[in-house]
Amino acid sequence: MTNKEIIASIIDKLDYIDPETIPNIDLYMDQVTTFMDSNLQNSKRRSQDKVLTKTMINNYAKNDLLPPPVKKKYSKDHILMLIFIYYLKNVLSINDIRTLLNPLSEKYFASHSSSLSLEDIYQNIFHLESEQFNSLVKDVLKKFDRSKNMYQEESEEDQEFLQTLSFVSMLSFDVYIKKQMIERIIDEMNTKSQNPDSKKKTT
């Protein structure tokens, strides 16, 4: 499989769980793991990988990432939080995810006092991401084409390796810079939460 085919296959695997497909009844843990695994199976690196396990759910609850179940059952909001965690854990530490999601959970989880529901926020965020999809694909393909034009003077075997290394390095650098930005933003969130007075700027 060529790198271009790999890119196409990854793009085809990108999953989005429509909230309308999430059951409106509360689920037991086994039902939650089955639902997540069946709806996000295309995003797994290996077929034997698990999207979500009982141990993961318990650890998320212990680390204050996920509100506890009610009578051992998980609501639609629980599943929405688990989807957020699933995507964020590939980039961020548990502590950073907690900083980012705790305000979301505290204000919007099973809340009837806000004009926005957790489902509304989920829909809005994934709508923003879908808007970026085409530009993201173009950027990745541009990096791929750039790498393919390098090392033309080398042997075929060396050329393939060096081009692949260049492509992966460009992608990695992009991820590194964005991860640095995310961590800086989260550090600022931590600073503000620990020092409420810092939110008030004197003029």
Protein backbone atom coordinates (compact mmCIF):
# COMPACT_ATOMS: atom_id res chain seq x y z
CA MET A 1 0.00 0.00 0.00
CA THR A 2 1.39 3.41 -0.95
CA ASN A 3 1.46 6.34 1.46
CA LYS A 4 -1.25 8.04 -0.57
CA GLU A 5 -3.44 4.95 -0.19
CA ILE A 6 -2.68 4.92 3.54
CA ILE A 7 -3.83 8.55 3.78
CA ALA A 8 -7.05 7.71 1.94
CA SER A 9 -7.69 4.68 4.16
CA ILE A 10 -7.19 6.73 7.34
CA ILE A 11 -9.52 9.45 6.10
CA ASP A 12 -12.14 6.83 5.28
CA LYS A 13 -11.86 5.49 8.84
CA LEU A 14 -12.60 8.76 10.59
CA ASP A 15 -15.69 8.18 12.69
CA TYR A 16 -18.24 10.52 14.13
CA ILE A 17 -20.88 9.23 16.50
CA ASP A 18 -24.12 11.00 15.79
CA PRO A 19 -25.83 11.73 19.14
CA GLU A 20 -29.08 10.50 17.61
CA THR A 21 -27.58 7.00 17.47
CA ILE A 22 -26.88 7.04 21.21
CA PRO A 23 -29.70 5.26 23.08
CA ASN A 24 -31.97 7.53 25.08
CA ILE A 25 -32.15 4.93 27.82
CA ASP A 26 -29.48 4.43 30.47
CA LEU A 27 -27.04 1.60 29.79
CA TYR A 28 -25.09 -0.85 31.90
CA MET A 29 -21.32 -0.85 31.53
CA ASP A 30 -21.23 -3.84 29.17
CA GLN A 31 -23.72 -2.10 26.89
CA VAL A 32 -21.63 1.09 26.93
CA THR A 33 -18.41 -0.70 25.93
CA THR A 34 -20.26 -2.61 23.20
CA PHE A 35 -21.79 0.60 21.83
CA MET A 36 -18.45 2.44 21.79
CA ASP A 37 -16.58 -0.47 20.25
CA SER A 38 -19.11 -0.97 17.47
CA ASN A 39 -19.33 2.74 16.60
CA LEU A 40 -15.61 3.52 16.73
CA GLN A 41 -14.20 0.26 15.43
CA ASN A 42 -12.88 1.89 12.24
CA SER A 43 -10.62 4.16 14.26
CA LYS A 44 -8.79 1.26 15.91
CA ARG A 45 -5.18 0.73 14.86
CA ARG A 46 -5.47 -3.04 15.19
CA SER A 47 -8.60 -5.17 14.99
CA GLN A 48 -7.93 -6.68 18.42
CA ASP A 49 -7.64 -3.27 20.10
CA LYS A 50 -10.41 -2.18 22.45
CA VAL A 51 -11.97 1.24 22.13
CA LEU A 52 -13.17 1.14 25.72
CA THR A 53 -12.96 -1.35 28.58
CA LYS A 54 -14.52 -1.62 32.03
CA THR A 55 -11.14 -0.83 33.55
CA MET A 56 -10.86 2.35 31.50
CA ILE A 57 -14.32 3.53 32.57
CA ASN A 58 -13.52 2.83 36.23
CA ASN A 59 -10.22 4.70 35.93
CA TYR A 60 -11.91 7.68 34.32
CA ALA A 61 -14.36 7.82 37.22
CA LYS A 62 -11.54 7.48 39.80
CA ASN A 63 -9.63 10.30 38.12
CA ASP A 64 -12.68 12.60 38.10
CA LEU A 65 -12.97 12.57 34.32
CA LEU A 66 -16.38 10.95 34.32
CA PRO A 67 -19.31 11.47 36.72
CA PRO A 68 -20.27 8.27 38.55
CA PRO A 69 -23.08 6.13 37.14
CA VAL A 70 -26.53 6.16 38.70
CA LYS A 71 -27.45 2.72 39.99
CA LYS A 72 -24.68 1.25 37.81
CA LYS A 73 -26.22 2.77 34.69
CA TYR A 74 -24.73 5.31 32.29
CA SER A 75 -26.73 8.05 30.59
CA LYS A 76 -26.42 9.63 27.15
CA ASP A 77 -24.34 12.40 28.73
CA HIS A 78 -21.96 9.76 30.12
CA ILE A 79 -21.42 8.42 26.61
CA LEU A 80 -20.83 11.91 25.21
CA MET A 81 -18.18 12.50 27.88
CA LEU A 82 -16.58 9.16 27.02
CA ILE A 83 -16.38 10.16 23.35
CA PHE A 84 -14.62 13.40 24.30
CA ILE A 85 -12.19 11.44 26.48
CA TYR A 86 -11.58 8.89 23.73
CA TYR A 87 -10.35 11.52 21.30
CA LEU A 88 -8.48 13.69 23.79
CA LYS A 89 -6.53 10.85 25.42
CA ASN A 90 -4.64 10.31 22.17
CA VAL A 91 -3.09 13.74 22.58
CA LEU A 92 -3.35 14.85 26.20
CA SER A 93 -2.48 13.57 29.66
CA ILE A 94 -5.16 12.58 32.17
CA ASN A 95 -4.49 15.77 34.15
CA ASP A 96 -4.90 17.95 31.07
CA ILE A 97 -8.11 16.19 30.07
CA ARG A 98 -9.43 16.73 33.60
CA THR A 99 -8.66 20.45 33.41
CA LEU A 100 -10.40 20.73 30.07
CA LEU A 101 -13.47 18.59 30.77
CA ASN A 102 -14.24 19.24 34.43
CA PRO A 103 -15.89 22.63 33.76
CA LEU A 104 -17.89 20.98 30.98
CA SER A 105 -19.04 18.22 33.30
CA GLU A 106 -19.79 20.54 36.23
CA LYS A 107 -21.92 22.96 34.24
CA TYR A 108 -23.53 20.92 31.49
CA PHE A 109 -23.66 17.27 32.55
CA ALA A 110 -27.31 16.31 33.16
CA SER A 111 -28.03 20.00 33.57
CA HIS A 112 -31.41 21.58 33.02
CA SER A 113 -30.35 25.04 34.18
CA SER A 114 -28.36 25.98 31.08
CA SER A 115 -29.64 26.95 27.66
CA LEU A 116 -27.04 24.58 26.22
CA SER A 117 -27.01 20.84 26.73
CA LEU A 118 -23.94 18.62 26.60
CA GLU A 119 -25.32 17.23 23.35
CA ASP A 120 -25.53 20.76 21.88
CA ILE A 121 -21.87 21.38 22.70
CA TYR A 122 -20.83 18.02 21.27
CA GLN A 123 -22.72 18.76 18.04
CA ASN A 124 -21.16 22.22 17.75
CA ILE A 125 -17.61 20.97 18.26
CA PHE A 126 -17.87 18.14 15.78
CA HIS A 127 -19.50 20.46 13.28
CA LEU A 128 -16.45 22.74 13.56
CA GLU A 129 -14.17 19.76 13.02
CA SER A 130 -16.07 18.63 9.95
CA GLU A 131 -15.64 22.13 8.50
CA GLN A 132 -11.87 21.73 8.84
CA PHE A 133 -11.83 18.32 7.23
CA ASN A 134 -11.21 19.36 3.61
CA SER A 135 -8.44 21.81 4.50
CA LEU A 136 -6.82 19.16 6.70
CA VAL A 137 -6.85 16.63 3.88
CA LYS A 138 -5.34 19.18 1.49
CA ASP A 139 -2.59 20.00 3.97
CA VAL A 140 -1.68 16.33 4.50
CA LEU A 141 -1.62 15.65 0.76
CA LYS A 142 0.52 18.76 0.23
CA LYS A 143 3.05 17.45 2.75
CA PHE A 144 2.97 14.07 1.07
CA ASP A 145 3.61 15.54 -2.39
CA ARG A 146 6.41 17.70 -1.00
CA SER A 147 8.14 14.66 0.49
CA LYS A 148 7.76 12.66 -2.74
CA ASN A 149 9.74 15.31 -4.61
CA MET A 150 12.73 14.94 -2.31
CA TYR A 151 15.83 12.72 -2.65
CA GLN A 152 15.28 12.04 -6.32
CA GLU A 153 19.00 11.39 -6.79
CA GLU A 154 19.11 8.52 -4.26
CA SER A 155 18.63 4.83 -4.94
CA GLU A 156 15.05 3.60 -5.08
CA GLU A 157 15.28 1.89 -1.69
CA ASP A 158 16.92 4.85 0.05
CA GLN A 159 14.60 7.27 -1.70
CA GLU A 160 11.48 5.51 -0.40
CA PHE A 161 12.79 5.45 3.19
CA LEU A 162 13.96 9.07 3.18
CA GLN A 163 10.74 10.31 1.62
CA THR A 164 8.70 8.41 4.21
CA LEU A 165 10.89 9.79 7.00
CA SER A 166 10.41 13.33 5.68
CA PHE A 167 6.63 12.90 5.42
CA VAL A 168 6.31 11.46 8.92
CA SER A 169 8.59 14.20 10.31
CA MET A 170 6.46 16.95 8.78
CA LEU A 171 3.30 15.40 10.23
CA SER A 172 4.99 14.95 13.61
CA PHE A 173 6.20 18.53 13.71
CA ASP A 174 2.68 19.73 12.97
CA VAL A 175 1.32 17.61 15.83
CA TYR A 176 4.13 18.75 18.15
CA ILE A 177 3.46 22.46 17.57
CA LYS A 178 -0.30 22.04 18.06
CA LYS A 179 0.24 19.94 21.19
CA GLN A 180 2.49 22.68 22.61
CA MET A 181 -0.25 25.24 21.94
CA ILE A 182 -2.90 23.05 23.58
CA GLU A 183 -0.75 22.49 26.67
CA ARG A 184 -0.04 26.22 26.98
CA ILE A 185 -3.77 26.98 26.81
CA ILE A 186 -4.54 24.33 29.45
CA ASP A 187 -1.76 25.65 31.71
CA GLU A 188 -3.38 29.06 31.47
CA MET A 189 -6.74 27.51 32.41
CA ASN A 190 -5.10 25.92 35.46
CA THR A 191 -3.56 29.21 36.49
CA LYS A 192 -6.91 31.00 36.29
CA SER A 193 -8.74 28.26 38.21
CA GLN A 194 -6.13 28.31 40.99
CA ASN A 195 -6.03 32.11 41.13
CA PRO A 196 -9.54 33.43 40.49
CA ASP A 197 -8.35 36.99 41.05
CA SER A 198 -6.10 36.67 37.98
CA LYS A 199 -9.26 36.81 35.84
CA LYS A 200 -9.83 40.34 37.00
CA LYS A 201 -7.57 42.77 35.23
CA THR A 202 -7.20 46.18 36.66
CA THR A 203 -7.22 49.09 34.27
